[in-house]
Amino acid sequence: MNTIIMARRFGIIMLFAAIFAITFSMAVEHTGRSGAQSHFGASFTCLQTGSPYCTTVQ
């Protein structure tokens, strides 16, 4: 009986942890799209300055 209660509590805690992890990753992904031109951490210069994809990073 005691292990069933512990397993249920563990399952509830893991459910909340999974929900938190998913919402946190969605928040990080949303704020991470700031328009900075980078590919795997390597920044590069935009050659077409009139392009809407090129932004100035200061």
C-alpha atoms as a PDB file:
ATOM      1  CA  MET A   1       0.000   0.000   0.000  1.00  0.00           C
ATOM      2  CA  ASN A   2       2.818   2.376   0.857  1.00  0.00           C
ATOM      3  CA  THR A   3       4.598   1.828  -2.479  1.00  0.00           C
ATOM      4  CA  ILE A   4       1.384   2.509  -4.403  1.00  0.00           C
ATOM      5  CA  ILE A   5       1.051   5.892  -2.698  1.00  0.00           C
ATOM      6  CA  MET A   6       4.712   6.707  -3.402  1.00  0.00           C
ATOM      7  CA  ALA A   7       4.349   5.657  -7.046  1.00  0.00           C
ATOM      8  CA  ARG A   8       1.244   7.824  -7.435  1.00  0.00           C
ATOM      9  CA  ARG A   9       3.000  10.832  -5.886  1.00  0.00           C
ATOM     10  CA  PHE A  10       6.036  10.264  -8.099  1.00  0.00           C
ATOM     11  CA  GLY A  11       3.799  10.089 -11.170  1.00  0.00           C
ATOM     12  CA  ILE A  12       2.068  13.355 -10.266  1.00  0.00           C
ATOM     13  CA  ILE A  13       5.396  15.100  -9.645  1.00  0.00           C
ATOM     14  CA  MET A  14       6.779  13.853 -12.974  1.00  0.00           C
ATOM     15  CA  LEU A  15       3.632  15.032 -14.764  1.00  0.00           C
ATOM     16  CA  PHE A  16       4.072  18.537 -13.372  1.00  0.00           C
ATOM     17  CA  ALA A  17       7.781  18.444 -14.252  1.00  0.00           C
ATOM     18  CA  ALA A  18       6.993  17.451 -17.842  1.00  0.00           C
ATOM     19  CA  ILE A  19       4.401  20.215 -18.186  1.00  0.00           C
ATOM     20  CA  PHE A  20       6.893  22.741 -16.790  1.00  0.00           C
ATOM     21  CA  ALA A  21       9.639  21.539 -19.130  1.00  0.00           C
ATOM     22  CA  ILE A  22       7.412  21.791 -22.197  1.00  0.00           C
ATOM     23  CA  THR A  23       6.135  25.270 -21.355  1.00  0.00           C
ATOM     24  CA  PHE A  24       9.636  26.473 -20.456  1.00  0.00           C
ATOM     25  CA  SER A  25      11.070  25.196 -23.749  1.00  0.00           C
ATOM     26  CA  MET A  26       8.247  26.902 -25.661  1.00  0.00           C
ATOM     27  CA  ALA A  27       8.985  30.183 -23.850  1.00  0.00           C
ATOM     28  CA  VAL A  28      12.713  29.939 -24.572  1.00  0.00           C
ATOM     29  CA  GLU A  29      12.073  29.092 -28.216  1.00  0.00           C
ATOM     30  CA  HIS A  30       9.686  32.027 -28.590  1.00  0.00           C
ATOM     31  CA  THR A  31      12.103  34.578 -27.084  1.00  0.00           C
ATOM     32  CA  GLY A  32      15.074  33.042 -28.888  1.00  0.00           C
ATOM     33  CA  ARG A  33      13.778  34.168 -32.295  1.00  0.00           C
ATOM     34  CA  SER A  34      15.076  37.712 -32.046  1.00  0.00           C
ATOM     35  CA  GLY A  35      16.160  37.957 -35.685  1.00  0.00           C
ATOM     36  CA  ALA A  36      19.883  37.612 -35.052  1.00  0.00           C
ATOM     37  CA  GLN A  37      21.538  35.825 -37.938  1.00  0.00           C
ATOM     38  CA  SER A  38      23.413  32.904 -36.470  1.00  0.00           C
ATOM     39  CA  HIS A  39      23.891  29.255 -37.300  1.00  0.00           C
ATOM     40  CA  PHE A  40      24.972  26.961 -34.470  1.00  0.00           C
ATOM     41  CA  GLY A  41      26.406  29.886 -32.526  1.00  0.00           C
ATOM     42  CA  ALA A  42      28.511  31.302 -35.372  1.00  0.00           C
ATOM     43  CA  SER A  43      27.395  34.807 -36.303  1.00  0.00           C
ATOM     44  CA  PHE A  44      27.773  35.917 -39.900  1.00  0.00           C
ATOM     45  CA  THR A  45      27.439  39.153 -41.832  1.00  0.00           C
ATOM     46  CA  CYS A  46      24.386  39.650 -43.999  1.00  0.00           C
ATOM     47  CA  LEU A  47      25.357  40.571 -47.549  1.00  0.00           C
ATOM     48  CA  GLN A  48      21.949  41.892 -48.636  1.00  0.00           C
ATOM     49  CA  THR A  49      21.297  44.807 -46.316  1.00  0.00           C
ATOM     50  CA  GLY A  50      17.875  45.532 -47.815  1.00  0.00           C
ATOM     51  CA  SER A  51      16.587  42.050 -47.038  1.00  0.00           C
ATOM     52  CA  PRO A  52      13.958  41.769 -44.275  1.00  0.00           C
ATOM     53  CA  TYR A  53      15.935  38.847 -42.818  1.00  0.00           C
ATOM     54  CA  CYS A  54      18.996  41.004 -42.126  1.00  0.00           C
ATOM     55  CA  THR A  55      19.001  42.851 -38.835  1.00  0.00           C
ATOM     56  CA  THR A  56      21.611  44.923 -37.098  1.00  0.00           C
ATOM     57  CA  VAL A  57      22.956  43.273 -33.962  1.00  0.00           C
ATOM     58  CA  GLN A  58      24.548  45.653 -31.505  1.00  0.00           C
END
